[in-house]
Amino acid sequence: MSQTPKQSMLEAVVNTTSGYLISLVTQVAIFPLFGIHLALGQNMLLVGVFTVISIVRSYVWRRIFNHLHRVRT
């Protein structure tokens, strides 16, 4: 059974939200080691940009694989 586009988007959002939190904590901890000092809001914005990109990427790949699965069956 394949996912609907709505289910694919929900999965991508849940997956990426957890990634957002992990990335934010990691970035706040790691950036200073490289001499990068950003305010929390700046860190959140930067992670947010990459989060949106990740959601779109995950959704597109999921739809491609679901399409390929339907074509093969």
N, C-alpha and C. Protein backbone atom coordinates (compact mmCIF):
# COMPACT_ATOMS: atom_id res chain seq x y z
N MET A 1 0.84 -1.17 0.00
CA MET A 1 0.00 0.00 0.00
C MET A 1 0.89 1.24 0.00
N SER A 2 0.58 2.21 -0.86
CA SER A 2 1.37 3.43 -0.88
C SER A 2 0.70 4.53 -0.05
N GLN A 3 1.50 5.50 0.26
CA GLN A 3 1.02 6.62 1.05
C GLN A 3 0.32 7.64 0.15
N THR A 4 -0.63 8.34 0.73
CA THR A 4 -1.21 9.47 0.02
C THR A 4 -0.22 10.63 0.12
N PRO A 5 -0.36 11.62 -0.74
CA PRO A 5 0.51 12.79 -0.62
C PRO A 5 0.41 13.44 0.76
N LYS A 6 -0.77 13.48 1.34
CA LYS A 6 -0.94 14.08 2.67
C LYS A 6 -0.16 13.28 3.72
N GLN A 7 -0.23 11.95 3.66
CA GLN A 7 0.52 11.11 4.59
C GLN A 7 2.02 11.31 4.41
N SER A 8 2.45 11.43 3.18
CA SER A 8 3.87 11.67 2.90
C SER A 8 4.33 12.99 3.52
N MET A 9 3.51 14.02 3.39
CA MET A 9 3.88 15.32 3.95
C MET A 9 3.92 15.25 5.48
N LEU A 10 2.95 14.58 6.09
CA LEU A 10 2.94 14.45 7.55
C LEU A 10 4.19 13.73 8.03
N GLU A 11 4.56 12.64 7.39
CA GLU A 11 5.76 11.91 7.76
C GLU A 11 7.00 12.79 7.62
N ALA A 12 7.08 13.53 6.53
CA ALA A 12 8.24 14.41 6.31
C ALA A 12 8.31 15.49 7.38
N VAL A 13 7.17 16.05 7.77
CA VAL A 13 7.16 17.11 8.77
C VAL A 13 7.56 16.57 10.14
N VAL A 14 7.01 15.42 10.53
CA VAL A 14 7.36 14.82 11.83
C VAL A 14 8.85 14.47 11.87
N ASN A 15 9.33 13.85 10.81
CA ASN A 15 10.74 13.48 10.74
C ASN A 15 11.63 14.71 10.80
N THR A 16 11.28 15.74 10.07
CA THR A 16 12.13 16.91 10.00
C THR A 16 12.02 17.76 11.26
N THR A 17 10.88 17.76 11.93
CA THR A 17 10.77 18.50 13.18
C THR A 17 11.74 17.96 14.22
N SER A 18 11.82 16.64 14.31
CA SER A 18 12.80 16.07 15.23
C SER A 18 14.21 16.41 14.79
N GLY A 19 14.44 16.42 13.50
CA GLY A 19 15.74 16.83 12.97
C GLY A 19 16.05 18.28 13.28
N TYR A 20 15.03 19.14 13.25
CA TYR A 20 15.21 20.55 13.58
C TYR A 20 15.74 20.70 15.00
N LEU A 21 15.10 20.01 15.92
CA LEU A 21 15.50 20.13 17.32
C LEU A 21 16.91 19.60 17.54
N ILE A 22 17.21 18.47 16.94
CA ILE A 22 18.56 17.89 17.07
C ILE A 22 19.59 18.83 16.45
N SER A 23 19.27 19.37 15.28
CA SER A 23 20.20 20.28 14.60
C SER A 23 20.42 21.56 15.38
N LEU A 24 19.36 22.09 15.96
CA LEU A 24 19.49 23.32 16.73
C LEU A 24 20.40 23.12 17.94
N VAL A 25 20.17 22.07 18.67
CA VAL A 25 21.01 21.79 19.85
C VAL A 25 22.46 21.56 19.42
N THR A 26 22.65 20.79 18.36
CA THR A 26 24.00 20.51 17.85
C THR A 26 24.68 21.79 17.39
N GLN A 27 23.96 22.61 16.65
CA GLN A 27 24.54 23.85 16.13
C GLN A 27 24.94 24.78 17.26
N VAL A 28 24.08 24.93 18.26
CA VAL A 28 24.39 25.80 19.41
C VAL A 28 25.63 25.29 20.14
N ALA A 29 25.79 23.98 20.19
CA ALA A 29 26.94 23.39 20.90
C ALA A 29 28.22 23.42 20.06
N ILE A 30 28.10 23.23 18.76
CA ILE A 30 29.28 23.05 17.89
C ILE A 30 29.80 24.36 17.30
N PHE A 31 28.92 25.25 16.89
CA PHE A 31 29.38 26.48 16.24
C PHE A 31 30.45 27.23 17.03
N PRO A 32 30.27 27.40 18.34
CA PRO A 32 31.31 28.13 19.09
C PRO A 32 32.70 27.47 19.02
N LEU A 33 32.74 26.17 18.84
CA LEU A 33 34.03 25.48 18.71
C LEU A 33 34.76 25.90 17.43
N PHE A 34 34.01 26.43 16.46
CA PHE A 34 34.59 26.89 15.21
C PHE A 34 34.65 28.42 15.14
N GLY A 35 34.44 29.05 16.27
CA GLY A 35 34.51 30.50 16.32
C GLY A 35 33.28 31.19 15.76
N ILE A 36 32.18 30.47 15.60
CA ILE A 36 30.94 31.06 15.09
C ILE A 36 30.03 31.31 16.28
N HIS A 37 29.71 32.56 16.50
CA HIS A 37 28.88 32.93 17.64
C HIS A 37 27.63 33.63 17.14
N LEU A 38 26.51 32.94 17.23
CA LEU A 38 25.23 33.48 16.79
C LEU A 38 24.27 33.54 17.97
N ALA A 39 23.36 34.49 17.91
CA ALA A 39 22.29 34.55 18.91
C ALA A 39 21.36 33.36 18.67
N LEU A 40 20.60 32.98 19.70
CA LEU A 40 19.69 31.85 19.57
C LEU A 40 18.72 32.05 18.41
N GLY A 41 18.20 33.26 18.26
CA GLY A 41 17.27 33.55 17.16
C GLY A 41 17.91 33.34 15.80
N GLN A 42 19.16 33.71 15.67
CA GLN A 42 19.88 33.50 14.41
C GLN A 42 20.08 32.01 14.15
N ASN A 43 20.43 31.27 15.20
CA ASN A 43 20.58 29.83 15.06
C ASN A 43 19.25 29.19 14.64
N MET A 44 18.17 29.63 15.27
CA MET A 44 16.86 29.08 14.94
C MET A 44 16.47 29.37 13.50
N LEU A 45 16.76 30.58 13.05
CA LEU A 45 16.46 30.94 11.66
C LEU A 45 17.28 30.10 10.68
N LEU A 46 18.56 29.97 10.94
CA LEU A 46 19.42 29.18 10.06
C LEU A 46 18.96 27.73 9.99
N VAL A 47 18.70 27.14 11.16
CA VAL A 47 18.20 25.76 11.17
C VAL A 47 16.84 25.70 10.48
N GLY A 48 16.02 26.72 10.65
CA GLY A 48 14.70 26.76 10.01
C GLY A 48 14.78 26.72 8.50
N VAL A 49 15.71 27.46 7.94
CA VAL A 49 15.89 27.46 6.47
C VAL A 49 16.22 26.05 6.00
N PHE A 50 17.17 25.40 6.67
CA PHE A 50 17.53 24.05 6.28
C PHE A 50 16.40 23.05 6.55
N THR A 51 15.58 23.34 7.54
CA THR A 51 14.45 22.47 7.85
C THR A 51 13.43 22.50 6.71
N VAL A 52 13.12 23.67 6.22
CA VAL A 52 12.18 23.78 5.10
C VAL A 52 12.72 23.05 3.89
N ILE A 53 13.98 23.22 3.61
CA ILE A 53 14.61 22.51 2.49
C ILE A 53 14.50 21.01 2.70
N SER A 54 14.73 20.55 3.91
CA SER A 54 14.66 19.12 4.21
C SER A 54 13.25 18.57 4.05
N ILE A 55 12.24 19.33 4.48
CA ILE A 55 10.85 18.88 4.32
C ILE A 55 10.52 18.70 2.84
N VAL A 56 10.87 19.68 2.04
CA VAL A 56 10.60 19.59 0.60
C VAL A 56 11.35 18.41 0.00
N ARG A 57 12.63 18.25 0.36
CA ARG A 57 13.43 17.14 -0.16
C ARG A 57 12.80 15.79 0.21
N SER A 58 12.44 15.62 1.46
CA SER A 58 11.86 14.36 1.91
C SER A 58 10.55 14.06 1.19
N TYR A 59 9.71 15.07 1.05
CA TYR A 59 8.43 14.90 0.37
C TYR A 59 8.63 14.49 -1.08
N VAL A 60 9.52 15.18 -1.78
CA VAL A 60 9.76 14.87 -3.19
C VAL A 60 10.28 13.45 -3.36
N TRP A 61 11.26 13.06 -2.56
CA TRP A 61 11.79 11.70 -2.68
C TRP A 61 10.73 10.65 -2.37
N ARG A 62 9.91 10.91 -1.35
CA ARG A 62 8.85 9.96 -0.99
C ARG A 62 7.88 9.79 -2.15
N ARG A 63 7.48 10.88 -2.78
CA ARG A 63 6.55 10.82 -3.90
C ARG A 63 7.18 10.09 -5.09
N ILE A 64 8.46 10.33 -5.34
CA ILE A 64 9.15 9.64 -6.43
C ILE A 64 9.16 8.14 -6.18
N PHE A 65 9.52 7.73 -4.98
CA PHE A 65 9.58 6.30 -4.68
C PHE A 65 8.19 5.66 -4.71
N ASN A 66 7.17 6.38 -4.24
CA ASN A 66 5.82 5.84 -4.32
C ASN A 66 5.37 5.69 -5.77
N HIS A 67 5.73 6.66 -6.60
CA HIS A 67 5.41 6.56 -8.02
C HIS A 67 6.11 5.35 -8.65
N LEU A 68 7.38 5.19 -8.37
CA LEU A 68 8.13 4.05 -8.92
C LEU A 68 7.54 2.73 -8.45
N HIS A 69 7.09 2.67 -7.21
CA HIS A 69 6.49 1.47 -6.67
C HIS A 69 5.18 1.14 -7.41
N ARG A 70 4.37 2.18 -7.68
CA ARG A 70 3.11 1.96 -8.40
C ARG A 70 3.36 1.52 -9.82
N VAL A 71 4.37 2.06 -10.46
CA VAL A 71 4.69 1.72 -11.84
C VAL A 71 5.12 0.25 -11.94
N ARG A 72 5.86 -0.21 -10.94
CA ARG A 72 6.39 -1.59 -10.97
C ARG A 72 5.35 -2.63 -10.61
N THR A 73 4.24 -2.24 -9.95
CA THR A 73 3.25 -3.23 -9.54
C THR A 73 2.06 -3.23 -10.43
